[in-house]
Amino acid sequence: MAGSTVSGQCLCGAVKFTVDVPKRDVDVCHCSMCRRWSAGPYIGLPYDGVLALEGADNVGVYNSSEWAERGFCKVCGSSLYYHLLGSDHYSLSAGALDDQSGLQLTAQIFIDEKPAYYDFANDTPKLTGEEVFAAHASSPETE
């Protein structure tokens, strides 16, 4: 599928975004931080570029680790994005997207931290945390 434009917003509408993405492939992160942040596994749409946010004054940013920050609406608390520091790589919250049709689950990460009480039926690649860090360490954007 060719690239597409996606738009999204927080629950209250105080923060909005529109970006062009090459694919509508989403991935799931099962790490303990994402689960605590989103009250379940975090489902994100990868985006590489400048993220211009309408209502940016309403965005809170939490540095959740040495390598990443998470953006949320300061008004309603909606999770908006995960951002890999030192790069233009974001993971936009799939739940914030206005049109979720055509999304396809293509990968699961931090599968080694997934609790036993849920499973996804989708047959996707499943990476451990160690495999995720190794992949990012060897990518050109982190060198």
C-alpha atoms as a PDB file:
ATOM      1  CA  MET A   1       0.000   0.000   0.000  1.00  0.00           C
ATOM      2  CA  ALA A   2       1.293   3.473  -0.837  1.00  0.00           C
ATOM      3  CA  GLY A   3       1.771   6.035   1.889  1.00  0.00           C
ATOM      4  CA  SER A   4      -1.168   7.815   3.447  1.00  0.00           C
ATOM      5  CA  THR A   5      -2.032  10.842   5.507  1.00  0.00           C
ATOM      6  CA  VAL A   6      -3.308  10.160   9.007  1.00  0.00           C
ATOM      7  CA  SER A   7      -4.732  12.552  11.537  1.00  0.00           C
ATOM      8  CA  GLY A   8      -5.407  12.160  15.195  1.00  0.00           C
ATOM      9  CA  GLN A   9      -6.245  13.874  18.410  1.00  0.00           C
ATOM     10  CA  CYS A  10      -6.489  13.393  22.117  1.00  0.00           C
ATOM     11  CA  LEU A  11      -9.770  12.543  23.826  1.00  0.00           C
ATOM     12  CA  CYS A  12     -10.725  16.183  24.487  1.00  0.00           C
ATOM     13  CA  GLY A  13      -9.475  17.556  21.150  1.00  0.00           C
ATOM     14  CA  ALA A  14      -6.980  19.988  22.705  1.00  0.00           C
ATOM     15  CA  VAL A  15      -4.106  18.368  20.752  1.00  0.00           C
ATOM     16  CA  LYS A  16      -4.270  17.365  17.088  1.00  0.00           C
ATOM     17  CA  PHE A  17      -1.815  16.137  14.466  1.00  0.00           C
ATOM     18  CA  THR A  18      -1.680  15.229  10.789  1.00  0.00           C
ATOM     19  CA  VAL A  19       1.257  13.312   9.294  1.00  0.00           C
ATOM     20  CA  ASP A  20       2.151  11.301   6.235  1.00  0.00           C
ATOM     21  CA  VAL A  21       3.178   7.716   6.922  1.00  0.00           C
ATOM     22  CA  PRO A  22       4.560   5.202   4.407  1.00  0.00           C
ATOM     23  CA  LYS A  23       2.368   2.366   5.719  1.00  0.00           C
ATOM     24  CA  ARG A  24      -0.519   1.835   8.096  1.00  0.00           C
ATOM     25  CA  ASP A  25       1.339  -0.902   9.978  1.00  0.00           C
ATOM     26  CA  VAL A  26       1.105  -0.804  13.758  1.00  0.00           C
ATOM     27  CA  ASP A  27       3.123  -2.622  16.361  1.00  0.00           C
ATOM     28  CA  VAL A  28       2.441  -3.573  19.936  1.00  0.00           C
ATOM     29  CA  CYS A  29       4.800  -2.986  22.835  1.00  0.00           C
ATOM     30  CA  HIS A  30       4.377  -5.218  25.867  1.00  0.00           C
ATOM     31  CA  CYS A  31       7.060  -3.591  28.053  1.00  0.00           C
ATOM     32  CA  SER A  32       6.113  -2.772  31.613  1.00  0.00           C
ATOM     33  CA  MET A  33       6.471   0.992  31.055  1.00  0.00           C
ATOM     34  CA  CYS A  34       4.114   1.019  28.043  1.00  0.00           C
ATOM     35  CA  ARG A  35       1.577  -1.117  29.878  1.00  0.00           C
ATOM     36  CA  ARG A  36       1.639   1.172  32.902  1.00  0.00           C
ATOM     37  CA  TRP A  37       1.407   4.274  30.654  1.00  0.00           C
ATOM     38  CA  SER A  38      -1.462   3.074  28.481  1.00  0.00           C
ATOM     39  CA  ALA A  39      -3.290   0.701  30.857  1.00  0.00           C
ATOM     40  CA  GLY A  40      -2.557  -2.190  28.502  1.00  0.00           C
ATOM     41  CA  PRO A  41      -0.200  -3.015  25.675  1.00  0.00           C
ATOM     42  CA  TYR A  42       0.754   0.114  23.718  1.00  0.00           C
ATOM     43  CA  ILE A  43      -0.273   0.010  20.058  1.00  0.00           C
ATOM     44  CA  GLY A  44       1.624   2.495  17.940  1.00  0.00           C
ATOM     45  CA  LEU A  45       1.937   3.649  14.347  1.00  0.00           C
ATOM     46  CA  PRO A  46       5.592   4.325  13.451  1.00  0.00           C
ATOM     47  CA  TYR A  47       6.325   7.789  12.069  1.00  0.00           C
ATOM     48  CA  ASP A  48       9.661   9.290  11.102  1.00  0.00           C
ATOM     49  CA  GLY A  49       9.751  13.053  10.700  1.00  0.00           C
ATOM     50  CA  VAL A  50       8.943  16.300  12.442  1.00  0.00           C
ATOM     51  CA  LEU A  51       5.814  15.960  14.545  1.00  0.00           C
ATOM     52  CA  ALA A  52       3.909  19.248  14.381  1.00  0.00           C
ATOM     53  CA  LEU A  53       1.163  19.336  16.971  1.00  0.00           C
ATOM     54  CA  GLU A  54      -1.798  21.706  16.939  1.00  0.00           C
ATOM     55  CA  GLY A  55      -2.336  22.698  20.556  1.00  0.00           C
ATOM     56  CA  ALA A  56       1.281  21.922  21.465  1.00  0.00           C
ATOM     57  CA  ASP A  57       0.939  24.026  24.647  1.00  0.00           C
ATOM     58  CA  ASN A  58      -1.367  21.280  25.912  1.00  0.00           C
ATOM     59  CA  VAL A  59       1.244  18.545  25.463  1.00  0.00           C
ATOM     60  CA  GLY A  60       3.104  17.211  28.462  1.00  0.00           C
ATOM     61  CA  VAL A  61       6.334  15.318  27.877  1.00  0.00           C
ATOM     62  CA  TYR A  62       7.689  12.710  30.252  1.00  0.00           C
ATOM     63  CA  ASN A  63      11.264  11.433  29.858  1.00  0.00           C
ATOM     64  CA  SER A  64      10.588   7.817  30.709  1.00  0.00           C
ATOM     65  CA  SER A  65      14.140   6.579  30.150  1.00  0.00           C
ATOM     66  CA  GLU A  66      17.568   7.659  28.939  1.00  0.00           C
ATOM     67  CA  TRP A  67      16.475   6.908  25.370  1.00  0.00           C
ATOM     68  CA  ALA A  68      12.803   7.903  25.111  1.00  0.00           C
ATOM     69  CA  GLU A  69      10.103  10.368  26.017  1.00  0.00           C
ATOM     70  CA  ARG A  70       6.332  10.047  25.983  1.00  0.00           C
ATOM     71  CA  GLY A  71       3.861  12.750  25.015  1.00  0.00           C
ATOM     72  CA  PHE A  72       0.396  13.110  26.472  1.00  0.00           C
ATOM     73  CA  CYS A  73      -2.394  15.677  26.634  1.00  0.00           C
ATOM     74  CA  LYS A  74      -2.148  17.758  29.808  1.00  0.00           C
ATOM     75  CA  VAL A  75      -5.903  18.405  29.685  1.00  0.00           C
ATOM     76  CA  CYS A  76      -7.396  14.899  29.329  1.00  0.00           C
ATOM     77  CA  GLY A  77      -4.355  12.649  29.859  1.00  0.00           C
ATOM     78  CA  SER A  78      -4.526  10.836  26.503  1.00  0.00           C
ATOM     79  CA  SER A  79      -1.358   9.060  25.388  1.00  0.00           C
ATOM     80  CA  LEU A  80      -0.206  10.677  22.136  1.00  0.00           C
ATOM     81  CA  TYR A  81       3.242   9.392  21.218  1.00  0.00           C
ATOM     82  CA  TYR A  82       6.446   7.655  22.163  1.00  0.00           C
ATOM     83  CA  HIS A  83       9.602   9.395  20.847  1.00  0.00           C
ATOM     84  CA  LEU A  84      13.059   7.864  20.562  1.00  0.00           C
ATOM     85  CA  LEU A  85      15.407  10.614  21.752  1.00  0.00           C
ATOM     86  CA  GLY A  86      18.113  11.782  19.373  1.00  0.00           C
ATOM     87  CA  SER A  87      16.060  10.754  16.353  1.00  0.00           C
ATOM     88  CA  ASP A  88      12.992  11.736  14.398  1.00  0.00           C
ATOM     89  CA  HIS A  89      11.334   8.387  15.191  1.00  0.00           C
ATOM     90  CA  TYR A  90       7.922   8.456  16.855  1.00  0.00           C
ATOM     91  CA  SER A  91       5.286   5.885  17.607  1.00  0.00           C
ATOM     92  CA  LEU A  92       1.892   7.570  17.417  1.00  0.00           C
ATOM     93  CA  SER A  93      -0.788   6.134  19.649  1.00  0.00           C
ATOM     94  CA  ALA A  94      -3.101   4.121  17.410  1.00  0.00           C
ATOM     95  CA  GLY A  95      -5.961   4.945  19.758  1.00  0.00           C
ATOM     96  CA  ALA A  96      -5.524   8.659  19.000  1.00  0.00           C
ATOM     97  CA  LEU A  97      -5.965   8.181  15.240  1.00  0.00           C
ATOM     98  CA  ASP A  98      -9.179   9.553  13.771  1.00  0.00           C
ATOM     99  CA  ASP A  99      -9.462   6.772  11.185  1.00  0.00           C
ATOM    100  CA  GLN A 100      -8.214   3.390  12.352  1.00  0.00           C
ATOM    101  CA  SER A 101      -9.432   1.505   9.291  1.00  0.00           C
ATOM    102  CA  GLY A 102      -6.735  -0.189   7.274  1.00  0.00           C
ATOM    103  CA  LEU A 103      -4.354  -0.535  10.221  1.00  0.00           C
ATOM    104  CA  GLN A 104      -2.484  -3.815  10.242  1.00  0.00           C
ATOM    105  CA  LEU A 105      -0.674  -5.328  13.232  1.00  0.00           C
ATOM    106  CA  THR A 106       2.765  -6.346  11.970  1.00  0.00           C
ATOM    107  CA  ALA A 107       5.012  -6.800  15.029  1.00  0.00           C
ATOM    108  CA  GLN A 108       5.117  -7.248  18.788  1.00  0.00           C
ATOM    109  CA  ILE A 109       8.050  -6.063  20.883  1.00  0.00           C
ATOM    110  CA  PHE A 110       9.206  -6.750  24.437  1.00  0.00           C
ATOM    111  CA  ILE A 111       7.362 -10.031  24.162  1.00  0.00           C
ATOM    112  CA  ASP A 112       9.476 -11.272  27.087  1.00  0.00           C
ATOM    113  CA  GLU A 113       7.670  -8.764  29.354  1.00  0.00           C
ATOM    114  CA  LYS A 114       4.135  -9.649  28.192  1.00  0.00           C
ATOM    115  CA  PRO A 115       2.003 -10.862  31.092  1.00  0.00           C
ATOM    116  CA  ALA A 116       0.330 -14.240  30.783  1.00  0.00           C
ATOM    117  CA  TYR A 117      -3.250 -12.930  31.043  1.00  0.00           C
ATOM    118  CA  TYR A 118      -3.576 -11.885  27.382  1.00  0.00           C
ATOM    119  CA  ASP A 119      -2.438 -12.967  23.919  1.00  0.00           C
ATOM    120  CA  PHE A 120      -2.956 -11.565  20.432  1.00  0.00           C
ATOM    121  CA  ALA A 121      -4.185 -13.983  17.798  1.00  0.00           C
ATOM    122  CA  ASN A 122      -2.224 -12.226  15.028  1.00  0.00           C
ATOM    123  CA  ASP A 123       0.787 -14.155  13.778  1.00  0.00           C
ATOM    124  CA  THR A 124       3.501 -11.471  13.891  1.00  0.00           C
ATOM    125  CA  PRO A 125       7.227 -11.310  14.486  1.00  0.00           C
ATOM    126  CA  LYS A 126       7.825 -11.208  18.245  1.00  0.00           C
ATOM    127  CA  LEU A 127      10.981  -9.523  19.542  1.00  0.00           C
ATOM    128  CA  THR A 128      12.356  -9.591  23.071  1.00  0.00           C
ATOM    129  CA  GLY A 129      13.607  -6.399  24.703  1.00  0.00           C
ATOM    130  CA  GLU A 130      17.197  -7.461  24.045  1.00  0.00           C
ATOM    131  CA  GLU A 131      16.427  -7.939  20.345  1.00  0.00           C
ATOM    132  CA  VAL A 132      14.773  -4.501  20.152  1.00  0.00           C
ATOM    133  CA  PHE A 133      17.782  -2.774  21.726  1.00  0.00           C
ATOM    134  CA  ALA A 134      20.150  -4.660  19.424  1.00  0.00           C
ATOM    135  CA  ALA A 135      18.150  -3.583  16.364  1.00  0.00           C
ATOM    136  CA  HIS A 136      18.196   0.082  17.430  1.00  0.00           C
ATOM    137  CA  ALA A 137      21.900  -0.050  18.297  1.00  0.00           C
ATOM    138  CA  SER A 138      22.722  -1.147  14.760  1.00  0.00           C
ATOM    139  CA  SER A 139      20.368   1.279  12.970  1.00  0.00           C
ATOM    140  CA  PRO A 140      21.917   4.320  11.248  1.00  0.00           C
ATOM    141  CA  GLU A 141      19.693   6.778  13.159  1.00  0.00           C
ATOM    142  CA  THR A 142      21.360   5.897  16.483  1.00  0.00           C
ATOM    143  CA  GLU A 143      24.946   6.070  15.263  1.00  0.00           C
END
